[in-house]
Amino acid sequence: MADLDKWRGDLQNQDAETRAAAAEHLCQAGEGVAEAAVDLVKACGDEESVQVWAVAALEEMGPPPVSTIPQLIELANDHQSIVAYWAITLLGRAEDASSQSEGVLTELLLNAGDISVRERAAWALGRLGPESQAAIDALKTVADSDSVRLARLAEEALS
């Protein structure tokens, strides 16, 4: 899809209006934009006009292509919480295909500074079906958290 390549390129443009328009086009294109998953996750860290459309596109997107998993694992550690949140969301949507992300998700579950990132890591681990003892132990630890939502997500991931 030629338009997809153009829009992905436009997300890198120096002009914020061009980036926002690209994100809007990707949002409105519907299915078939999963190849732009990493670009859209990165765009979540952009200014608000771009971020709004990038998030809207990601909300409608299904699982990411398997080829994007390594980049999404890297983005899960991004210093911008919203970028990390959406990278983790896509890793969770990928389920078994992203099983190599379990270690990163476990680390984020225990140590991320932002509660929304920790909650999303618990959710994603539940989608993967935690297999390592480290992930299971981490989920058990946060199941006793003072954060009611985090504790609930950890319990759901364990069941």
C-alpha atoms as a PDB file:
ATOM      1  CA  MET A   1       0.000   0.000   0.000  1.00  0.00           C
ATOM      2  CA  ALA A   2       1.755   3.124  -1.275  1.00  0.00           C
ATOM      3  CA  ASP A   3      -0.237   5.423   0.987  1.00  0.00           C
ATOM      4  CA  LEU A   4       0.911   3.493   4.060  1.00  0.00           C
ATOM      5  CA  ASP A   5       4.566   4.074   3.169  1.00  0.00           C
ATOM      6  CA  LYS A   6       3.896   7.767   2.573  1.00  0.00           C
ATOM      7  CA  TRP A   7       2.072   8.209   5.873  1.00  0.00           C
ATOM      8  CA  ARG A   8       4.772   6.339   7.767  1.00  0.00           C
ATOM      9  CA  GLY A   9       7.349   8.649   6.199  1.00  0.00           C
ATOM     10  CA  ASP A  10       5.234  11.692   7.022  1.00  0.00           C
ATOM     11  CA  LEU A  11       5.258  10.701  10.698  1.00  0.00           C
ATOM     12  CA  GLN A  12       8.984  11.545  10.604  1.00  0.00           C
ATOM     13  CA  ASN A  13       8.463  14.972   9.012  1.00  0.00           C
ATOM     14  CA  GLN A  14       9.714  18.035  10.891  1.00  0.00           C
ATOM     15  CA  ASP A  15       6.353  19.754  10.438  1.00  0.00           C
ATOM     16  CA  ALA A  16       3.898  18.885  13.221  1.00  0.00           C
ATOM     17  CA  GLU A  17       0.871  19.428  10.984  1.00  0.00           C
ATOM     18  CA  THR A  18       2.241  16.924   8.474  1.00  0.00           C
ATOM     19  CA  ARG A  19       2.875  14.400  11.260  1.00  0.00           C
ATOM     20  CA  ALA A  20      -0.618  14.919  12.671  1.00  0.00           C
ATOM     21  CA  ALA A  21      -2.199  14.507   9.233  1.00  0.00           C
ATOM     22  CA  ALA A  22      -0.250  11.283   8.706  1.00  0.00           C
ATOM     23  CA  ALA A  23      -1.399   9.905  12.047  1.00  0.00           C
ATOM     24  CA  GLU A  24      -4.977  10.892  11.209  1.00  0.00           C
ATOM     25  CA  HIS A  25      -4.774   9.108   7.837  1.00  0.00           C
ATOM     26  CA  LEU A  26      -3.408   5.998   9.543  1.00  0.00           C
ATOM     27  CA  CYS A  27      -6.237   6.136  12.051  1.00  0.00           C
ATOM     28  CA  GLN A  28      -8.873   6.466   9.368  1.00  0.00           C
ATOM     29  CA  ALA A  29      -7.338   3.795   7.122  1.00  0.00           C
ATOM     30  CA  GLY A  30      -8.620   1.107   9.463  1.00  0.00           C
ATOM     31  CA  GLU A  31      -7.315  -2.416   9.055  1.00  0.00           C
ATOM     32  CA  GLY A  32      -4.071  -2.927   7.254  1.00  0.00           C
ATOM     33  CA  VAL A  33      -2.035  -0.314   9.095  1.00  0.00           C
ATOM     34  CA  ALA A  34      -0.477  -2.772  11.535  1.00  0.00           C
ATOM     35  CA  GLU A  35       2.821  -2.435   9.652  1.00  0.00           C
ATOM     36  CA  ALA A  36       2.927   1.108  11.040  1.00  0.00           C
ATOM     37  CA  ALA A  37       2.611  -0.112  14.648  1.00  0.00           C
ATOM     38  CA  VAL A  38       6.107   0.951  15.744  1.00  0.00           C
ATOM     39  CA  ASP A  39       5.797   4.319  13.999  1.00  0.00           C
ATOM     40  CA  LEU A  40       2.485   4.971  15.730  1.00  0.00           C
ATOM     41  CA  VAL A  41       3.825   3.959  19.143  1.00  0.00           C
ATOM     42  CA  LYS A  42       6.723   6.384  18.688  1.00  0.00           C
ATOM     43  CA  ALA A  43       4.254   9.075  17.585  1.00  0.00           C
ATOM     44  CA  CYS A  44       2.522   8.784  20.958  1.00  0.00           C
ATOM     45  CA  GLY A  45       5.485  10.697  22.366  1.00  0.00           C
ATOM     46  CA  ASP A  46       4.985  13.569  19.928  1.00  0.00           C
ATOM     47  CA  GLU A  47       3.058  16.758  20.557  1.00  0.00           C
ATOM     48  CA  GLU A  48      -0.643  16.492  21.340  1.00  0.00           C
ATOM     49  CA  SER A  49      -1.955  17.033  17.805  1.00  0.00           C
ATOM     50  CA  VAL A  50       0.007  13.984  16.640  1.00  0.00           C
ATOM     51  CA  GLN A  51      -0.437  11.961  19.813  1.00  0.00           C
ATOM     52  CA  VAL A  52      -4.237  12.087  19.711  1.00  0.00           C
ATOM     53  CA  TRP A  53      -4.391  10.536  16.245  1.00  0.00           C
ATOM     54  CA  ALA A  54      -1.641   8.016  16.952  1.00  0.00           C
ATOM     55  CA  VAL A  55      -3.456   6.782  20.056  1.00  0.00           C
ATOM     56  CA  ALA A  56      -6.734   6.623  18.146  1.00  0.00           C
ATOM     57  CA  ALA A  57      -5.083   4.501  15.446  1.00  0.00           C
ATOM     58  CA  LEU A  58      -3.531   2.185  18.047  1.00  0.00           C
ATOM     59  CA  GLU A  59      -6.850   1.776  19.838  1.00  0.00           C
ATOM     60  CA  GLU A  60      -8.321   0.309  16.658  1.00  0.00           C
ATOM     61  CA  MET A  61      -5.315  -1.813  15.768  1.00  0.00           C
ATOM     62  CA  GLY A  62      -5.208  -5.511  16.441  1.00  0.00           C
ATOM     63  CA  PRO A  63      -2.055  -7.505  17.105  1.00  0.00           C
ATOM     64  CA  PRO A  64       1.151  -6.116  15.627  1.00  0.00           C
ATOM     65  CA  PRO A  65       3.186  -7.982  13.025  1.00  0.00           C
ATOM     66  CA  VAL A  66       5.612 -10.460  14.600  1.00  0.00           C
ATOM     67  CA  SER A  67       8.471  -8.628  12.880  1.00  0.00           C
ATOM     68  CA  THR A  68       7.820  -5.577  15.092  1.00  0.00           C
ATOM     69  CA  ILE A  69       8.094  -7.420  18.426  1.00  0.00           C
ATOM     70  CA  PRO A  70      11.813  -6.638  19.035  1.00  0.00           C
ATOM     71  CA  GLN A  71      11.244  -2.921  18.442  1.00  0.00           C
ATOM     72  CA  LEU A  72       8.165  -2.938  20.673  1.00  0.00           C
ATOM     73  CA  ILE A  73      10.156  -4.617  23.451  1.00  0.00           C
ATOM     74  CA  GLU A  74      12.692  -1.809  23.167  1.00  0.00           C
ATOM     75  CA  LEU A  75       9.945   0.845  23.222  1.00  0.00           C
ATOM     76  CA  ALA A  76       8.395  -0.746  26.316  1.00  0.00           C
ATOM     77  CA  ASN A  77      11.336   0.768  28.216  1.00  0.00           C
ATOM     78  CA  ASP A  78      10.838   4.254  26.772  1.00  0.00           C
ATOM     79  CA  HIS A  79      11.143   7.113  29.268  1.00  0.00           C
ATOM     80  CA  GLN A  80       7.817   8.506  28.062  1.00  0.00           C
ATOM     81  CA  SER A  81       5.106   6.549  29.853  1.00  0.00           C
ATOM     82  CA  ILE A  82       2.613   6.836  27.012  1.00  0.00           C
ATOM     83  CA  VAL A  83       5.090   5.317  24.538  1.00  0.00           C
ATOM     84  CA  ALA A  84       5.892   2.485  26.960  1.00  0.00           C
ATOM     85  CA  TYR A  85       2.174   1.941  27.631  1.00  0.00           C
ATOM     86  CA  TRP A  86       1.322   1.503  23.958  1.00  0.00           C
ATOM     87  CA  ALA A  87       4.339  -0.696  23.249  1.00  0.00           C
ATOM     88  CA  ILE A  88       3.273  -2.948  26.132  1.00  0.00           C
ATOM     89  CA  THR A  89      -0.318  -2.927  24.883  1.00  0.00           C
ATOM     90  CA  LEU A  90       0.758  -4.209  21.486  1.00  0.00           C
ATOM     91  CA  LEU A  91       2.996  -6.839  23.083  1.00  0.00           C
ATOM     92  CA  GLY A  92      -0.012  -8.054  25.037  1.00  0.00           C
ATOM     93  CA  ARG A  93      -2.147  -8.124  21.918  1.00  0.00           C
ATOM     94  CA  ALA A  94       0.500 -10.257  20.217  1.00  0.00           C
ATOM     95  CA  GLU A  95       0.072 -12.874  22.973  1.00  0.00           C
ATOM     96  CA  ASP A  96       2.234 -15.974  22.343  1.00  0.00           C
ATOM     97  CA  ALA A  97       4.070 -14.282  19.469  1.00  0.00           C
ATOM     98  CA  SER A  98       5.668 -11.914  21.994  1.00  0.00           C
ATOM     99  CA  SER A  99       6.654 -14.472  24.603  1.00  0.00           C
ATOM    100  CA  GLN A 100      10.252 -13.169  24.450  1.00  0.00           C
ATOM    101  CA  SER A 101       8.970  -9.967  26.082  1.00  0.00           C
ATOM    102  CA  GLU A 102       8.158 -11.703  29.366  1.00  0.00           C
ATOM    103  CA  GLY A 103      11.395 -10.626  31.067  1.00  0.00           C
ATOM    104  CA  VAL A 104      10.973  -6.972  30.122  1.00  0.00           C
ATOM    105  CA  LEU A 105       7.323  -7.000  31.152  1.00  0.00           C
ATOM    106  CA  THR A 106       8.237  -8.581  34.490  1.00  0.00           C
ATOM    107  CA  GLU A 107      10.869  -5.906  35.111  1.00  0.00           C
ATOM    108  CA  LEU A 108       8.403  -3.139  34.239  1.00  0.00           C
ATOM    109  CA  LEU A 109       5.719  -4.690  36.434  1.00  0.00           C
ATOM    110  CA  LEU A 110       8.021  -4.480  39.432  1.00  0.00           C
ATOM    111  CA  ASN A 111       9.997  -1.314  38.761  1.00  0.00           C
ATOM    112  CA  ALA A 112       8.302   1.097  36.374  1.00  0.00           C
ATOM    113  CA  GLY A 113       7.815   4.506  37.911  1.00  0.00           C
ATOM    114  CA  ASP A 114       4.422   5.067  36.314  1.00  0.00           C
ATOM    115  CA  ILE A 115       1.519   3.018  37.701  1.00  0.00           C
ATOM    116  CA  SER A 116      -0.199   2.862  34.294  1.00  0.00           C
ATOM    117  CA  VAL A 117       2.891   1.161  32.849  1.00  0.00           C
ATOM    118  CA  ARG A 118       2.975  -1.317  35.736  1.00  0.00           C
ATOM    119  CA  GLU A 119      -0.737  -2.044  35.294  1.00  0.00           C
ATOM    120  CA  ARG A 120      -0.332  -2.547  31.560  1.00  0.00           C
ATOM    121  CA  ALA A 121       2.611  -4.880  32.136  1.00  0.00           C
ATOM    122  CA  ALA A 122       0.429  -7.006  34.460  1.00  0.00           C
ATOM    123  CA  TRP A 123      -2.318  -7.083  31.821  1.00  0.00           C
ATOM    124  CA  ALA A 124       0.149  -8.019  29.071  1.00  0.00           C
ATOM    125  CA  LEU A 125       1.672 -10.809  31.167  1.00  0.00           C
ATOM    126  CA  GLY A 126      -1.829 -12.171  31.597  1.00  0.00           C
ATOM    127  CA  ARG A 127      -2.306 -12.183  27.829  1.00  0.00           C
ATOM    128  CA  LEU A 128       1.015 -13.988  27.341  1.00  0.00           C
ATOM    129  CA  GLY A 129       0.270 -16.523  30.049  1.00  0.00           C
ATOM    130  CA  PRO A 130       3.317 -16.101  32.291  1.00  0.00           C
ATOM    131  CA  GLU A 131       5.605 -19.102  32.085  1.00  0.00           C
ATOM    132  CA  SER A 132       8.755 -18.127  33.967  1.00  0.00           C
ATOM    133  CA  GLN A 133       8.905 -18.404  37.717  1.00  0.00           C
ATOM    134  CA  ALA A 134      10.186 -14.815  37.831  1.00  0.00           C
ATOM    135  CA  ALA A 135       7.040 -13.524  36.106  1.00  0.00           C
ATOM    136  CA  ILE A 136       4.773 -15.602  38.331  1.00  0.00           C
ATOM    137  CA  ASP A 137       6.592 -14.430  41.466  1.00  0.00           C
ATOM    138  CA  ALA A 138       6.383 -10.803  40.320  1.00  0.00           C
ATOM    139  CA  LEU A 139       2.652 -11.101  39.698  1.00  0.00           C
ATOM    140  CA  LYS A 140       2.176 -12.670  43.133  1.00  0.00           C
ATOM    141  CA  THR A 141       4.140  -9.812  44.675  1.00  0.00           C
ATOM    142  CA  VAL A 142       2.030  -7.090  43.079  1.00  0.00           C
ATOM    143  CA  ALA A 143      -1.191  -8.998  43.744  1.00  0.00           C
ATOM    144  CA  ASP A 144      -0.719  -7.678  47.287  1.00  0.00           C
ATOM    145  CA  SER A 145      -0.238  -4.111  46.041  1.00  0.00           C
ATOM    146  CA  ASP A 146      -1.948  -1.117  47.606  1.00  0.00           C
ATOM    147  CA  SER A 147      -3.109  -0.239  44.102  1.00  0.00           C
ATOM    148  CA  VAL A 148      -6.446  -2.017  43.763  1.00  0.00           C
ATOM    149  CA  ARG A 149      -6.330  -2.040  39.961  1.00  0.00           C
ATOM    150  CA  LEU A 150      -2.757  -3.327  39.801  1.00  0.00           C
ATOM    151  CA  ALA A 151      -3.577  -6.069  42.312  1.00  0.00           C
ATOM    152  CA  ARG A 152      -6.665  -7.093  40.325  1.00  0.00           C
ATOM    153  CA  LEU A 153      -4.744  -7.209  37.028  1.00  0.00           C
ATOM    154  CA  ALA A 154      -2.012  -9.305  38.635  1.00  0.00           C
ATOM    155  CA  GLU A 155      -4.564 -11.738  40.060  1.00  0.00           C
ATOM    156  CA  GLU A 156      -6.259 -12.010  36.656  1.00  0.00           C
ATOM    157  CA  ALA A 157      -2.890 -12.666  35.001  1.00  0.00           C
ATOM    158  CA  LEU A 158      -2.196 -15.476  37.446  1.00  0.00           C
ATOM    159  CA  SER A 159      -5.530 -17.193  36.829  1.00  0.00           C
END
